[in-house]
Amino acid sequence: MLVEIFSDGACSGNPGIGGYGSILRCGGKVKELSGAEGLTTNNRMEMTGAIAALEALTRPCEVVVTSDSQYLVKGMTEWLSGWVRKGWVNSKKEQVVNRDLWERLLALSKMHKIKWVWIRGHNGHAENERCDELARGAIEEFRRQNLR
């Protein structure tokens, strides 16, 4: 069965408080996920949204992950194999940033058959807009919880 995942990340300041939102859809069922971190970057939140959704799957699945993050999609489809082959060094001969999250995504990609799809953000895509709302809502909730 095919699982559709839509994911987005947001950051208030970069670095700053970050949030992610994800939607999982399978056979008429829909699940929304969101979360936040106190000091992070937008790229980490983009990645974390996809990770949270993939980790919510309870068995190996065929998955389409849709994101407005070129960093995430190109990382998974174009860059990751080279980074691994070169010992986690990028084309500038520097250590790959966010390696911890890339390694989690790599492990998840071995469990599931994943197609990565990039879409333009804030362009009227309903699920992407909802994920953005979830991510921004998670940031606001984090702020409220940490002002107490």
Protein backbone atom coordinates (compact mmCIF):
# COMPACT_ATOMS: atom_id res chain seq x y z
CA MET A 1 0.00 0.00 0.00
CA LEU A 2 1.23 3.48 -0.87
CA VAL A 3 1.81 6.03 1.89
CA GLU A 4 1.94 9.70 0.95
CA ILE A 5 3.97 11.94 3.23
CA PHE A 6 3.97 15.71 3.03
CA SER A 7 6.45 17.56 5.20
CA ASP A 8 7.64 21.08 5.93
CA GLY A 9 9.90 22.85 8.38
CA ALA A 10 10.05 26.40 9.65
CA CYS A 11 12.36 28.45 11.81
CA SER A 12 11.86 31.71 13.68
CA GLY A 13 15.37 33.02 13.23
CA ASN A 14 17.88 30.77 11.52
CA PRO A 15 19.14 29.46 13.86
CA GLY A 16 16.24 29.90 16.20
CA ILE A 17 13.13 28.15 17.42
CA GLY A 18 12.15 25.64 14.77
CA GLY A 19 9.12 23.54 14.03
CA TYR A 20 8.03 20.87 11.60
CA GLY A 21 4.72 19.62 10.32
CA SER A 22 3.98 16.40 8.48
CA ILE A 23 0.96 14.70 7.01
CA LEU A 24 0.77 10.96 6.40
CA ARG A 25 -2.00 9.72 4.11
CA CYS A 26 -2.78 6.10 3.33
CA GLY A 27 -5.99 4.56 2.04
CA GLY A 28 -8.27 7.33 3.24
CA LYS A 29 -6.61 7.67 6.64
CA VAL A 30 -4.75 10.87 7.50
CA LYS A 31 -2.39 11.54 10.40
CA GLU A 32 -0.78 14.88 11.23
CA LEU A 33 2.45 15.26 13.18
CA SER A 34 4.27 18.32 14.46
CA GLY A 35 7.01 19.26 16.86
CA ALA A 36 9.52 21.97 17.74
CA GLU A 37 13.05 22.51 19.02
CA GLY A 38 14.48 25.50 20.85
CA LEU A 39 17.65 26.17 18.88
CA THR A 40 17.87 24.72 15.41
CA THR A 41 17.92 25.60 11.72
CA ASN A 42 15.35 25.52 8.97
CA ASN A 43 17.19 22.70 7.18
CA ARG A 44 17.19 20.56 10.33
CA MET A 45 13.45 21.08 10.72
CA GLU A 46 12.81 20.18 7.07
CA MET A 47 14.70 16.93 7.66
CA THR A 48 13.11 16.27 11.05
CA GLY A 49 9.62 16.52 9.58
CA ALA A 50 10.40 13.80 7.06
CA ILE A 51 12.12 11.66 9.71
CA ALA A 52 9.20 11.94 12.14
CA ALA A 53 6.74 10.87 9.45
CA LEU A 54 8.88 7.96 8.24
CA GLU A 55 9.51 6.81 11.82
CA ALA A 56 5.74 6.77 12.41
CA LEU A 57 5.39 3.94 9.89
CA THR A 58 5.10 0.59 11.66
CA ARG A 59 6.21 -1.64 8.79
CA PRO A 60 8.09 -1.33 5.49
CA CYS A 61 6.07 0.69 2.98
CA GLU A 62 6.14 2.20 -0.46
CA VAL A 63 6.29 5.93 0.25
CA VAL A 64 6.17 9.20 -1.66
CA VAL A 65 7.66 12.04 0.38
CA THR A 66 6.74 15.50 -0.90
CA SER A 67 8.66 18.52 0.38
CA ASP A 68 9.40 22.10 -0.61
CA SER A 69 12.99 21.65 0.62
CA GLN A 70 15.48 21.26 -2.20
CA TYR A 71 18.09 20.60 0.48
CA LEU A 72 16.15 17.53 1.67
CA VAL A 73 15.11 16.21 -1.74
CA LYS A 74 18.45 16.79 -3.49
CA GLY A 75 20.27 15.47 -0.44
CA MET A 76 18.37 12.19 -0.63
CA THR A 77 18.33 11.83 -4.42
CA GLU A 78 21.62 13.36 -5.57
CA TRP A 79 24.13 13.96 -2.78
CA LEU A 80 23.78 11.26 -0.13
CA SER A 81 25.43 8.36 -1.95
CA GLY A 82 28.50 10.49 -2.71
CA TRP A 83 28.76 11.69 0.88
CA VAL A 84 28.68 8.12 2.15
CA ARG A 85 31.21 6.97 -0.46
CA LYS A 86 33.55 9.84 0.47
CA GLY A 87 33.28 9.28 4.23
CA TRP A 88 30.75 12.07 4.89
CA VAL A 89 32.80 14.77 3.18
CA ASN A 90 31.07 17.14 0.75
CA SER A 91 32.29 18.58 -2.56
CA LYS A 92 34.08 21.38 -0.67
CA LYS A 93 36.08 18.75 1.26
CA GLU A 94 34.20 19.69 4.46
CA GLN A 95 32.30 17.48 6.86
CA VAL A 96 28.65 17.11 5.84
CA VAL A 97 26.39 19.34 7.93
CA ASN A 98 23.50 17.59 9.71
CA ARG A 99 25.15 14.20 9.32
CA ASP A 100 23.17 12.82 12.29
CA LEU A 101 19.90 13.46 10.48
CA TRP A 102 21.20 12.27 7.09
CA GLU A 103 22.22 9.00 8.75
CA ARG A 104 18.72 8.58 10.19
CA LEU A 105 17.21 9.26 6.75
CA LEU A 106 19.63 6.80 5.18
CA ALA A 107 18.57 4.07 7.63
CA LEU A 108 14.89 4.83 6.99
CA SER A 109 15.45 4.72 3.23
CA LYS A 110 16.74 1.16 3.63
CA MET A 111 13.52 0.16 5.42
CA HIS A 112 11.10 1.72 2.95
CA LYS A 113 10.89 2.20 -0.80
CA ILE A 114 10.86 6.00 -0.97
CA LYS A 115 10.30 8.39 -3.85
CA TRP A 116 11.34 11.97 -3.03
CA VAL A 117 9.36 14.77 -4.71
CA TRP A 118 10.12 18.48 -4.61
CA ILE A 119 7.38 21.10 -4.95
CA ARG A 120 7.59 24.88 -4.85
CA GLY A 121 6.69 26.14 -1.37
CA HIS A 122 3.93 28.62 -0.62
CA ASN A 123 2.45 28.01 -4.04
CA GLY A 124 -1.07 26.89 -3.13
CA HIS A 125 -0.27 23.19 -2.58
CA ALA A 126 -2.87 22.30 0.07
CA GLU A 127 -0.85 19.72 1.99
CA ASN A 128 2.31 21.84 1.92
CA GLU A 129 0.36 24.83 3.24
CA ARG A 130 -1.10 22.67 6.03
CA CYS A 131 2.35 21.36 6.95
CA ASP A 132 3.60 24.94 7.14
CA GLU A 133 0.68 25.77 9.48
CA LEU A 134 1.55 22.78 11.66
CA ALA A 135 5.23 23.79 11.79
CA ARG A 136 4.45 27.40 12.69
CA GLY A 137 1.90 26.27 15.24
CA ALA A 138 4.53 24.03 16.86
CA ILE A 139 6.86 27.03 17.12
CA GLU A 140 4.15 29.09 18.83
CA GLU A 141 3.31 26.24 21.20
CA PHE A 142 7.00 25.86 22.06
CA ARG A 143 7.17 29.58 22.86
CA ARG A 144 4.06 29.36 25.08
CA GLN A 145 5.40 26.30 26.95
CA ASN A 146 8.77 27.92 27.55
CA LEU A 147 7.47 31.26 28.79
CA ARG A 148 5.99 29.66 31.88
